[in-house]
């Protein structure tokens, strides 16, 4: 694997990790709101908070899908160099 391709793979992996963190964090908070009544008392508009979390999950999943499109391209470039 070329040095440039190694850097590209690391960068794509880092971006994927970032959005995976965003997704799982929002999922954990949403699960907490849905299953833990003590967490609800801190927020006056729980529906609005849940909508925000669902939107965060959707955004992170969309971004992960885009990032995944770059992984095969990196593999193809690596195979072409061999």
C-alpha atoms as a PDB file:
ATOM      1  CA  UNK A   1       0.000   0.000   0.000  1.00  0.00           C
ATOM      2  CA  UNK A   2       1.405   3.384  -0.945  1.00  0.00           C
ATOM      3  CA  UNK A   3       2.066   6.023   1.684  1.00  0.00           C
ATOM      4  CA  UNK A   4      -0.598   8.303   0.172  1.00  0.00           C
ATOM      5  CA  UNK A   5      -3.159   5.493   0.231  1.00  0.00           C
ATOM      6  CA  UNK A   6      -2.302   4.674   3.866  1.00  0.00           C
ATOM      7  CA  UNK A   7      -2.956   8.293   4.784  1.00  0.00           C
ATOM      8  CA  UNK A   8      -6.223   8.299   2.844  1.00  0.00           C
ATOM      9  CA  UNK A   9      -7.369   5.109   4.576  1.00  0.00           C
ATOM     10  CA  UNK A  10      -6.516   6.568   7.988  1.00  0.00           C
ATOM     11  CA  UNK A  11      -8.381   9.759   7.151  1.00  0.00           C
ATOM     12  CA  UNK A  12     -11.476   7.915   5.936  1.00  0.00           C
ATOM     13  CA  UNK A  13     -11.378   5.680   9.022  1.00  0.00           C
ATOM     14  CA  UNK A  14     -11.113   8.726  11.299  1.00  0.00           C
ATOM     15  CA  UNK A  15     -14.071  10.422   9.622  1.00  0.00           C
ATOM     16  CA  UNK A  16     -16.095   7.203   9.904  1.00  0.00           C
ATOM     17  CA  UNK A  17     -15.204   6.917  13.599  1.00  0.00           C
ATOM     18  CA  UNK A  18     -16.325  10.512  14.165  1.00  0.00           C
ATOM     19  CA  UNK A  19     -19.760   9.929  12.633  1.00  0.00           C
ATOM     20  CA  UNK A  20     -20.126   6.538  14.322  1.00  0.00           C
ATOM     21  CA  UNK A  21     -19.528   8.299  17.641  1.00  0.00           C
ATOM     22  CA  UNK A  22     -22.144  10.940  16.775  1.00  0.00           C
ATOM     23  CA  UNK A  23     -24.647   8.225  15.840  1.00  0.00           C
ATOM     24  CA  UNK A  24     -24.138   6.016  18.887  1.00  0.00           C
ATOM     25  CA  UNK A  25     -24.150   9.004  21.234  1.00  0.00           C
ATOM     26  CA  UNK A  26     -27.501  10.201  19.864  1.00  0.00           C
ATOM     27  CA  UNK A  27     -28.880   6.642  19.991  1.00  0.00           C
ATOM     28  CA  UNK A  28     -27.858   6.273  23.623  1.00  0.00           C
ATOM     29  CA  UNK A  29     -29.485   9.568  24.549  1.00  0.00           C
ATOM     30  CA  UNK A  30     -32.669   8.704  22.666  1.00  0.00           C
ATOM     31  CA  UNK A  31     -32.833   5.310  24.371  1.00  0.00           C
ATOM     32  CA  UNK A  32     -32.389   7.070  27.698  1.00  0.00           C
ATOM     33  CA  UNK A  33     -35.296   9.439  26.994  1.00  0.00           C
ATOM     34  CA  UNK A  34     -37.522   6.593  25.846  1.00  0.00           C
ATOM     35  CA  UNK A  35     -36.712   4.163  28.656  1.00  0.00           C
ATOM     36  CA  UNK A  36     -35.714   6.289  31.653  1.00  0.00           C
ATOM     37  CA  UNK A  37     -38.328   8.613  33.055  1.00  0.00           C
ATOM     38  CA  UNK A  38     -35.817  10.392  35.327  1.00  0.00           C
ATOM     39  CA  UNK A  39     -34.001  11.804  32.265  1.00  0.00           C
ATOM     40  CA  UNK A  40     -37.187  13.416  31.017  1.00  0.00           C
ATOM     41  CA  UNK A  41     -37.597  15.775  33.974  1.00  0.00           C
ATOM     42  CA  UNK A  42     -34.639  17.896  32.881  1.00  0.00           C
ATOM     43  CA  UNK A  43     -36.241  18.884  29.562  1.00  0.00           C
ATOM     44  CA  UNK A  44     -39.480  20.754  29.143  1.00  0.00           C
ATOM     45  CA  UNK A  45     -40.066  19.725  25.530  1.00  0.00           C
ATOM     46  CA  UNK A  46     -39.128  16.062  25.342  1.00  0.00           C
ATOM     47  CA  UNK A  47     -40.667  15.636  21.885  1.00  0.00           C
ATOM     48  CA  UNK A  48     -38.428  18.356  20.485  1.00  0.00           C
ATOM     49  CA  UNK A  49     -35.382  16.773  22.122  1.00  0.00           C
ATOM     50  CA  UNK A  50     -36.238  13.367  20.656  1.00  0.00           C
ATOM     51  CA  UNK A  51     -36.756  14.897  17.205  1.00  0.00           C
ATOM     52  CA  UNK A  52     -33.288  16.485  17.421  1.00  0.00           C
ATOM     53  CA  UNK A  53     -31.755  13.141  18.355  1.00  0.00           C
ATOM     54  CA  UNK A  54     -33.508  11.328  15.503  1.00  0.00           C
ATOM     55  CA  UNK A  55     -32.230  13.993  13.117  1.00  0.00           C
ATOM     56  CA  UNK A  56     -28.700  13.572  14.504  1.00  0.00           C
ATOM     57  CA  UNK A  57     -28.908   9.805  13.976  1.00  0.00           C
ATOM     58  CA  UNK A  58     -30.174  10.294  10.420  1.00  0.00           C
ATOM     59  CA  UNK A  59     -27.416  12.795   9.628  1.00  0.00           C
ATOM     60  CA  UNK A  60     -24.692  10.535  11.024  1.00  0.00           C
ATOM     61  CA  UNK A  61     -26.026   7.513   9.092  1.00  0.00           C
ATOM     62  CA  UNK A  62     -26.115   9.564   5.895  1.00  0.00           C
ATOM     63  CA  UNK A  63     -22.553  10.726   6.437  1.00  0.00           C
ATOM     64  CA  UNK A  64     -21.390   7.179   7.183  1.00  0.00           C
ATOM     65  CA  UNK A  65     -22.959   6.055   3.918  1.00  0.00           C
ATOM     66  CA  UNK A  66     -20.996   8.698   2.035  1.00  0.00           C
ATOM     67  CA  UNK A  67     -17.767   7.750   3.802  1.00  0.00           C
ATOM     68  CA  UNK A  68     -18.365   4.085   2.960  1.00  0.00           C
ATOM     69  CA  UNK A  69     -18.439   5.021  -0.730  1.00  0.00           C
ATOM     70  CA  UNK A  70     -14.816   6.098  -0.475  1.00  0.00           C
ATOM     71  CA  UNK A  71     -13.530   2.854   1.043  1.00  0.00           C
ATOM     72  CA  UNK A  72     -13.911   0.713  -2.117  1.00  0.00           C
ATOM     73  CA  UNK A  73     -12.227   3.426  -4.203  1.00  0.00           C
ATOM     74  CA  UNK A  74      -9.221   3.329  -1.912  1.00  0.00           C
ATOM     75  CA  UNK A  75      -9.038  -0.466  -2.214  1.00  0.00           C
ATOM     76  CA  UNK A  76      -9.227  -0.299  -5.999  1.00  0.00           C
ATOM     77  CA  UNK A  77      -6.412   2.266  -6.123  1.00  0.00           C
ATOM     78  CA  UNK A  78      -4.291   0.013  -3.918  1.00  0.00           C
ATOM     79  CA  UNK A  79      -4.959  -3.041  -6.122  1.00  0.00           C
ATOM     80  CA  UNK A  80      -4.013  -1.107  -9.254  1.00  0.00           C
ATOM     81  CA  UNK A  81      -0.593  -0.317  -7.791  1.00  0.00           C
ATOM     82  CA  UNK A  82       0.333  -3.977  -7.287  1.00  0.00           C
END
